[in-house]
PDB file of N, CA and C in Angstrom:
ATOM      1  N   MET A   1      56.341   8.246  21.953  1.00  0.00           N
ATOM      2  CA  MET A   1      57.638   8.813  21.660  1.00  0.00           C
ATOM      3  C   MET A   1      58.497   8.799  22.934  1.00  0.00           C
ATOM      4  N   LYS A   2      59.725   8.388  22.785  1.00  0.00           N
ATOM      5  CA  LYS A   2      60.639   8.302  23.910  1.00  0.00           C
ATOM      6  C   LYS A   2      61.183   9.698  24.241  1.00  0.00           C
ATOM      7  N   GLU A   3      61.141  10.061  25.530  1.00  0.00           N
ATOM      8  CA  GLU A   3      61.618  11.377  25.934  1.00  0.00           C
ATOM      9  C   GLU A   3      63.147  11.391  25.965  1.00  0.00           C
ATOM     10  N   SER A   4      63.733  12.457  25.449  1.00  0.00           N
ATOM     11  CA  SER A   4      65.187  12.524  25.384  1.00  0.00           C
ATOM     12  C   SER A   4      65.785  12.818  26.764  1.00  0.00           C
ATOM     13  N   ILE A   5      66.984  12.319  26.943  1.00  0.00           N
ATOM     14  CA  ILE A   5      67.711  12.497  28.191  1.00  0.00           C
ATOM     15  C   ILE A   5      68.601  13.735  28.041  1.00  0.00           C
ATOM     16  N   LEU A   6      68.521  14.650  29.008  1.00  0.00           N
ATOM     17  CA  LEU A   6      69.339  15.864  28.972  1.00  0.00           C
ATOM     18  C   LEU A   6      70.735  15.605  29.544  1.00  0.00           C
ATOM     19  N   PHE A   7      70.798  15.058  30.755  1.00  0.00           N
ATOM     20  CA  PHE A   7      72.040  14.749  31.460  1.00  0.00           C
ATOM     21  C   PHE A   7      71.692  13.822  32.608  1.00  0.00           C
ATOM     22  N   ASP A   8      72.607  12.990  33.024  1.00  0.00           N
ATOM     23  CA  ASP A   8      72.429  12.129  34.198  1.00  0.00           C
ATOM     24  C   ASP A   8      71.029  11.517  34.281  1.00  0.00           C
ATOM     25  N   PHE A   9      70.532  11.031  33.162  1.00  0.00           N
ATOM     26  CA  PHE A   9      69.222  10.386  33.072  1.00  0.00           C
ATOM     27  C   PHE A   9      68.065  11.326  33.366  1.00  0.00           C
ATOM     28  N   ALA A  10      68.291  12.624  33.356  1.00  0.00           N
ATOM     29  CA  ALA A  10      67.227  13.612  33.581  1.00  0.00           C
ATOM     30  C   ALA A  10      66.525  13.923  32.268  1.00  0.00           C
ATOM     31  N   THR A  11      65.210  13.991  32.331  1.00  0.00           N
ATOM     32  CA  THR A  11      64.419  14.325  31.155  1.00  0.00           C
ATOM     33  C   THR A  11      63.994  15.792  31.227  1.00  0.00           C
ATOM     34  N   VAL A  12      63.417  16.277  30.160  1.00  0.00           N
ATOM     35  CA  VAL A  12      62.895  17.648  30.138  1.00  0.00           C
ATOM     36  C   VAL A  12      61.836  17.800  31.228  1.00  0.00           C
ATOM     37  N   GLN A  13      61.011  16.787  31.410  1.00  0.00           N
ATOM     38  CA  GLN A  13      59.979  16.822  32.449  1.00  0.00           C
ATOM     39  C   GLN A  13      60.616  16.913  33.846  1.00  0.00           C
ATOM     40  N   ASP A  14      61.700  16.165  34.077  1.00  0.00           N
ATOM     41  CA  ASP A  14      62.408  16.256  35.360  1.00  0.00           C
ATOM     42  C   ASP A  14      62.918  17.676  35.586  1.00  0.00           C
ATOM     43  N   LEU A  15      63.515  18.269  34.561  1.00  0.00           N
ATOM     44  CA  LEU A  15      64.054  19.624  34.672  1.00  0.00           C
ATOM     45  C   LEU A  15      62.949  20.616  35.007  1.00  0.00           C
ATOM     46  N   GLU A  16      61.825  20.522  34.325  1.00  0.00           N
ATOM     47  CA  GLU A  16      60.726  21.471  34.562  1.00  0.00           C
ATOM     48  C   GLU A  16      60.161  21.324  35.976  1.00  0.00           C
ATOM     49  N   SER A  17      59.977  20.107  36.439  1.00  0.00           N
ATOM     50  CA  SER A  17      59.438  19.931  37.789  1.00  0.00           C
ATOM     51  C   SER A  17      60.455  20.369  38.843  1.00  0.00           C
ATOM     52  N   CYS A  18      61.734  20.113  38.619  1.00  0.00           N
ATOM     53  CA  CYS A  18      62.763  20.541  39.564  1.00  0.00           C
ATOM     54  C   CYS A  18      62.891  22.065  39.574  1.00  0.00           C
ATOM     55  N   LYS A  19      62.725  22.708  38.432  1.00  0.00           N
ATOM     56  CA  LYS A  19      62.767  24.179  38.389  1.00  0.00           C
ATOM     57  C   LYS A  19      61.675  24.773  39.263  1.00  0.00           C
ATOM     58  N   GLN A  20      60.505  24.175  39.243  1.00  0.00           N
ATOM     59  CA  GLN A  20      59.404  24.660  40.081  1.00  0.00           C
ATOM     60  C   GLN A  20      59.747  24.496  41.564  1.00  0.00           C
ATOM     61  N   ILE A  21      60.337  23.373  41.917  1.00  0.00           N
ATOM     62  CA  ILE A  21      60.719  23.112  43.305  1.00  0.00           C
ATOM     63  C   ILE A  21      61.773  24.120  43.769  1.00  0.00           C
ATOM     64  N   VAL A  22      62.795  24.323  42.937  1.00  0.00           N
ATOM     65  CA  VAL A  22      63.876  25.248  43.288  1.00  0.00           C
ATOM     66  C   VAL A  22      63.332  26.671  43.398  1.00  0.00           C
ATOM     67  N   ALA A  23      62.467  27.060  42.481  1.00  0.00           N
ATOM     68  CA  ALA A  23      61.889  28.416  42.522  1.00  0.00           C
ATOM     69  C   ALA A  23      61.094  28.637  43.804  1.00  0.00           C
ATOM     70  N   ARG A  24      60.303  27.642  44.212  1.00  0.00           N
ATOM     71  CA  ARG A  24      59.540  27.764  45.460  1.00  0.00           C
ATOM     72  C   ARG A  24      60.462  27.841  46.665  1.00  0.00           C
ATOM     73  N   LYS A  25      61.528  27.054  46.661  1.00  0.00           N
ATOM     74  CA  LYS A  25      62.473  27.057  47.777  1.00  0.00           C
ATOM     75  C   LYS A  25      63.213  28.391  47.846  1.00  0.00           C
ATOM     76  N   LEU A  26      63.588  28.951  46.716  1.00  0.00           N
ATOM     77  CA  LEU A  26      64.230  30.267  46.697  1.00  0.00           C
ATOM     78  C   LEU A  26      63.286  31.320  47.257  1.00  0.00           C
ATOM     79  N   GLN A  27      62.036  31.274  46.816  1.00  0.00           N
ATOM     80  CA  GLN A  27      61.051  32.244  47.278  1.00  0.00           C
ATOM     81  C   GLN A  27      60.847  32.123  48.792  1.00  0.00           C
ATOM     82  N   ALA A  28      60.775  30.910  49.291  1.00  0.00           N
ATOM     83  CA  ALA A  28      60.581  30.685  50.729  1.00  0.00           C
ATOM     84  C   ALA A  28      61.759  31.207  51.547  1.00  0.00           C
ATOM     85  N   ASN A  29      62.943  31.223  50.947  1.00  0.00           N
ATOM     86  CA  ASN A  29      64.148  31.700  51.631  1.00  0.00           C
ATOM     87  C   ASN A  29      64.481  33.144  51.256  1.00  0.00           C
ATOM     88  N   GLN A  30      63.545  33.812  50.622  1.00  0.00           N
ATOM     89  CA  GLN A  30      63.721  35.195  50.184  1.00  0.00           C
ATOM     90  C   GLN A  30      65.028  35.377  49.428  1.00  0.00           C
ATOM     91  N   ALA A  31      65.228  34.503  48.457  1.00  0.00           N
ATOM     92  CA  ALA A  31      66.436  34.539  47.639  1.00  0.00           C
ATOM     93  C   ALA A  31      66.033  34.542  46.166  1.00  0.00           C
ATOM     94  N   ASP A  32      66.994  34.860  45.312  1.00  0.00           N
ATOM     95  CA  ASP A  32      66.752  34.934  43.878  1.00  0.00           C
ATOM     96  C   ASP A  32      68.035  34.549  43.156  1.00  0.00           C
ATOM     97  N   CYS A  33      67.929  34.283  41.870  1.00  0.00           N
ATOM     98  CA  CYS A  33      69.109  34.026  41.051  1.00  0.00           C
ATOM     99  C   CYS A  33      68.836  34.543  39.643  1.00  0.00           C
ATOM    100  N   ASP A  34      69.898  34.780  38.897  1.00  0.00           N
ATOM    101  CA  ASP A  34      69.764  35.311  37.546  1.00  0.00           C
ATOM    102  C   ASP A  34      69.317  34.249  36.544  1.00  0.00           C
ATOM    103  N   ASP A  35      69.746  33.009  36.748  1.00  0.00           N
ATOM    104  CA  ASP A  35      69.457  31.940  35.784  1.00  0.00           C
ATOM    105  C   ASP A  35      68.927  30.712  36.527  1.00  0.00           C
ATOM    106  N   LEU A  36      67.618  30.648  36.664  1.00  0.00           N
ATOM    107  CA  LEU A  36      66.981  29.551  37.408  1.00  0.00           C
ATOM    108  C   LEU A  36      67.284  28.195  36.791  1.00  0.00           C
ATOM    109  N   GLU A  37      67.295  28.116  35.466  1.00  0.00           N
ATOM    110  CA  GLU A  37      67.553  26.827  34.814  1.00  0.00           C
ATOM    111  C   GLU A  37      68.970  26.341  35.099  1.00  0.00           C
ATOM    112  N   ASP A  38      69.942  27.224  35.034  1.00  0.00           N
ATOM    113  CA  ASP A  38      71.329  26.846  35.312  1.00  0.00           C
ATOM    114  C   ASP A  38      71.484  26.390  36.764  1.00  0.00           C
ATOM    115  N   LEU A  39      70.901  27.126  37.685  1.00  0.00           N
ATOM    116  CA  LEU A  39      70.946  26.756  39.101  1.00  0.00           C
ATOM    117  C   LEU A  39      70.282  25.397  39.315  1.00  0.00           C
ATOM    118  N   THR A  40      69.129  25.198  38.695  1.00  0.00           N
ATOM    119  CA  THR A  40      68.411  23.927  38.840  1.00  0.00           C
ATOM    120  C   THR A  40      69.240  22.766  38.310  1.00  0.00           C
ATOM    121  N   LYS A  41      69.888  22.954  37.167  1.00  0.00           N
ATOM    122  CA  LYS A  41      70.745  21.890  36.620  1.00  0.00           C
ATOM    123  C   LYS A  41      71.883  21.570  37.574  1.00  0.00           C
ATOM    124  N   ASP A  42      72.495  22.593  38.183  1.00  0.00           N
ATOM    125  CA  ASP A  42      73.557  22.349  39.168  1.00  0.00           C
ATOM    126  C   ASP A  42      73.035  21.525  40.339  1.00  0.00           C
ATOM    127  N   ILE A  43      71.858  21.877  40.819  1.00  0.00           N
ATOM    128  CA  ILE A  43      71.260  21.164  41.948  1.00  0.00           C
ATOM    129  C   ILE A  43      70.920  19.726  41.565  1.00  0.00           C
ATOM    130  N   MET A  44      70.385  19.545  40.382  1.00  0.00           N
ATOM    131  CA  MET A  44      70.056  18.193  39.917  1.00  0.00           C
ATOM    132  C   MET A  44      71.315  17.348  39.763  1.00  0.00           C
ATOM    133  N   LYS A  45      72.369  17.922  39.224  1.00  0.00           N
ATOM    134  CA  LYS A  45      73.625  17.181  39.057  1.00  0.00           C
ATOM    135  C   LYS A  45      74.227  16.825  40.411  1.00  0.00           C
ATOM    136  N   LEU A  46      74.139  17.738  41.356  1.00  0.00           N
ATOM    137  CA  LEU A  46      74.628  17.457  42.709  1.00  0.00           C
ATOM    138  C   LEU A  46      73.815  16.334  43.339  1.00  0.00           C
ATOM    139  N   SER A  47      72.508  16.388  43.188  1.00  0.00           N
ATOM    140  CA  SER A  47      71.632  15.338  43.705  1.00  0.00           C
ATOM    141  C   SER A  47      71.999  13.981  43.100  1.00  0.00           C
ATOM    142  N   TYR A  48      72.200  13.953  41.796  1.00  0.00           N
ATOM    143  CA  TYR A  48      72.559  12.708  41.111  1.00  0.00           C
ATOM    144  C   TYR A  48      73.925  12.199  41.583  1.00  0.00           C
ATOM    145  N   SER A  49      74.877  13.106  41.770  1.00  0.00           N
ATOM    146  CA  SER A  49      76.237  12.701  42.123  1.00  0.00           C
ATOM    147  C   SER A  49      76.331  12.098  43.527  1.00  0.00           C
ATOM    148  N   ILE A  50      75.398  12.452  44.410  1.00  0.00           N
ATOM    149  CA  ILE A  50      75.432  11.883  45.762  1.00  0.00           C
ATOM    150  C   ILE A  50      74.514  10.673  45.882  1.00  0.00           C
ATOM    151  N   GLY A  51      74.045  10.191  44.741  1.00  0.00           N
ATOM    152  CA  GLY A  51      73.227   8.993  44.742  1.00  0.00           C
ATOM    153  C   GLY A  51      71.752   9.253  44.935  1.00  0.00           C
ATOM    154  N   GLY A  52      71.369  10.511  44.816  1.00  0.00           N
ATOM    155  CA  GLY A  52      69.965  10.872  44.978  1.00  0.00           C
ATOM    156  C   GLY A  52      69.213  10.786  43.669  1.00  0.00           C
ATOM    157  N   SER A  53      67.998  11.163  43.725  1.00  0.00           N
ATOM    158  CA  SER A  53      67.161  11.160  42.537  1.00  0.00           C
ATOM    159  C   SER A  53      66.624  12.567  42.335  1.00  0.00           C
ATOM    160  N   TYR A  54      65.644  12.689  41.494  1.00  0.00           N
ATOM    161  CA  TYR A  54      65.052  13.990  41.222  1.00  0.00           C
ATOM    162  C   TYR A  54      63.672  14.132  41.859  1.00  0.00           C
ATOM    163  N   ASP A  55      63.399  13.347  42.901  1.00  0.00           N
ATOM    164  CA  ASP A  55      62.089  13.473  43.550  1.00  0.00           C
ATOM    165  C   ASP A  55      62.054  14.735  44.416  1.00  0.00           C
ATOM    166  N   VAL A  56      60.870  15.116  44.802  1.00  0.00           N
ATOM    167  CA  VAL A  56      60.637  16.371  45.512  1.00  0.00           C
ATOM    168  C   VAL A  56      61.502  16.488  46.764  1.00  0.00           C
ATOM    169  N   ASN A  57      61.478  15.498  47.619  1.00  0.00           N
ATOM    170  CA  ASN A  57      62.209  15.575  48.888  1.00  0.00           C
ATOM    171  C   ASN A  57      63.716  15.727  48.680  1.00  0.00           C
ATOM    172  N   MET A  58      64.251  15.014  47.707  1.00  0.00           N
ATOM    173  CA  MET A  58      65.690  15.092  47.451  1.00  0.00           C
ATOM    174  C   MET A  58      66.074  16.460  46.898  1.00  0.00           C
ATOM    175  N   ILE A  59      65.306  16.982  45.963  1.00  0.00           N
ATOM    176  CA  ILE A  59      65.614  18.289  45.372  1.00  0.00           C
ATOM    177  C   ILE A  59      65.461  19.394  46.416  1.00  0.00           C
ATOM    178  N   VAL A  60      64.436  19.314  47.266  1.00  0.00           N
ATOM    179  CA  VAL A  60      64.268  20.295  48.345  1.00  0.00           C
ATOM    180  C   VAL A  60      65.473  20.251  49.278  1.00  0.00           C
ATOM    181  N   SER A  61      65.892  19.064  49.655  1.00  0.00           N
ATOM    182  CA  SER A  61      67.023  18.900  50.569  1.00  0.00           C
ATOM    183  C   SER A  61      68.316  19.439  49.965  1.00  0.00           C
ATOM    184  N   VAL A  62      68.595  19.089  48.737  1.00  0.00           N
ATOM    185  CA  VAL A  62      69.818  19.552  48.084  1.00  0.00           C
ATOM    186  C   VAL A  62      69.771  21.063  47.866  1.00  0.00           C
ATOM    187  N   THR A  63      68.612  21.600  47.533  1.00  0.00           N
ATOM    188  CA  THR A  63      68.478  23.043  47.356  1.00  0.00           C
ATOM    189  C   THR A  63      68.751  23.763  48.668  1.00  0.00           C
ATOM    190  N   GLN A  64      68.247  23.248  49.778  1.00  0.00           N
ATOM    191  CA  GLN A  64      68.508  23.880  51.074  1.00  0.00           C
ATOM    192  C   GLN A  64      69.989  23.828  51.405  1.00  0.00           C
ATOM    193  N   CYS A  65      70.633  22.705  51.141  1.00  0.00           N
ATOM    194  CA  CYS A  65      72.080  22.611  51.365  1.00  0.00           C
ATOM    195  C   CYS A  65      72.816  23.623  50.492  1.00  0.00           C
ATOM    196  N   TYR A  66      72.378  23.758  49.266  1.00  0.00           N
ATOM    197  CA  TYR A  66      72.959  24.718  48.334  1.00  0.00           C
ATOM    198  C   TYR A  66      72.807  26.138  48.878  1.00  0.00           C
ATOM    199  N   LEU A  67      71.635  26.469  49.400  1.00  0.00           N
ATOM    200  CA  LEU A  67      71.391  27.794  49.966  1.00  0.00           C
ATOM    201  C   LEU A  67      72.263  28.056  51.197  1.00  0.00           C
ATOM    202  N   ASP A  68      72.504  27.030  51.996  1.00  0.00           N
ATOM    203  CA  ASP A  68      73.239  27.170  53.248  1.00  0.00           C
ATOM    204  C   ASP A  68      74.764  27.145  53.086  1.00  0.00           C
ATOM    205  N   HIS A  69      75.251  26.672  51.954  1.00  0.00           N
ATOM    206  CA  HIS A  69      76.689  26.484  51.775  1.00  0.00           C
ATOM    207  C   HIS A  69      77.312  27.666  51.039  1.00  0.00           C
ATOM    208  N   PRO A  70      78.243  28.391  51.685  1.00  0.00           N
ATOM    209  CA  PRO A  70      78.790  29.607  51.079  1.00  0.00           C
ATOM    210  C   PRO A  70      79.568  29.372  49.785  1.00  0.00           C
ATOM    211  N   GLN A  71      80.148  28.216  49.583  1.00  0.00           N
ATOM    212  CA  GLN A  71      80.884  27.957  48.349  1.00  0.00           C
ATOM    213  C   GLN A  71      79.954  27.618  47.179  1.00  0.00           C
ATOM    214  N   LEU A  72      78.775  27.126  47.480  1.00  0.00           N
ATOM    215  CA  LEU A  72      77.847  26.730  46.429  1.00  0.00           C
ATOM    216  C   LEU A  72      76.874  27.838  46.045  1.00  0.00           C
ATOM    217  N   ASN A  73      76.554  28.699  46.981  1.00  0.00           N
ATOM    218  CA  ASN A  73      75.460  29.629  46.749  1.00  0.00           C
ATOM    219  C   ASN A  73      75.861  30.945  46.085  1.00  0.00           C
ATOM    220  N   ARG A  74      76.931  30.959  45.351  1.00  0.00           N
ATOM    221  CA  ARG A  74      77.373  32.185  44.680  1.00  0.00           C
ATOM    222  C   ARG A  74      76.380  32.678  43.634  1.00  0.00           C
ATOM    223  N   LYS A  75      75.587  31.797  43.080  1.00  0.00           N
ATOM    224  CA  LYS A  75      74.601  32.172  42.070  1.00  0.00           C
ATOM    225  C   LYS A  75      73.323  32.731  42.700  1.00  0.00           C
ATOM    226  N   ILE A  76      73.236  32.651  44.020  1.00  0.00           N
ATOM    227  CA  ILE A  76      71.998  33.027  44.711  1.00  0.00           C
ATOM    228  C   ILE A  76      72.191  34.370  45.408  1.00  0.00           C
ATOM    229  N   LYS A  77      71.189  35.207  45.285  1.00  0.00           N
ATOM    230  CA  LYS A  77      71.226  36.512  45.944  1.00  0.00           C
ATOM    231  C   LYS A  77      70.061  36.598  46.913  1.00  0.00           C
ATOM    232  N   LYS A  78      70.332  37.119  48.093  1.00  0.00           N
ATOM    233  CA  LYS A  78      69.262  37.369  49.054  1.00  0.00           C
ATOM    234  C   LYS A  78      68.494  38.589  48.613  1.00  0.00           C
ATOM    235  N   LYS A  79      67.175  38.520  48.693  1.00  0.00           N
ATOM    236  CA  LYS A  79      66.361  39.667  48.352  1.00  0.00           C
ATOM    237  C   LYS A  79      66.485  40.698  49.472  1.00  0.00           C
ATOM    238  N   THR A  80      66.553  41.952  49.083  1.00  0.00           N
ATOM    239  CA  THR A  80      66.630  43.014  50.087  1.00  0.00           C
ATOM    240  C   THR A  80      65.280  43.688  50.188  1.00  0.00           C
ATOM    241  N   GLU A  81      64.980  44.144  51.379  1.00  0.00           N
ATOM    242  CA  GLU A  81      63.703  44.825  51.613  1.00  0.00           C
ATOM    243  C   GLU A  81      63.770  46.208  50.966  1.00  0.00           C
ATOM    244  N   ALA A  82      62.707  46.586  50.300  1.00  0.00           N
ATOM    245  CA  ALA A  82      62.668  47.893  49.646  1.00  0.00           C
ATOM    246  C   ALA A  82      62.012  48.909  50.531  1.00  0.00           C
TER     247      ALA A  82
END
């Protein structure tokens, strides 16, 4: 069975693997977001738009840029110490 394309040639499998990458990167940076899937789709679309792919290194790199850029990281919240 042929896997359906969600957007920009991304499959459901691509989305799931990228969500795991983004979640690990958020955790490593002590950050969180309300909608991991929405954030992941934004990161994947950004990666695709700059000529990248959905491989691990590209998604990690784009996620870090997303975390570091004040205009992009509005969906991300820094975790506070309790």
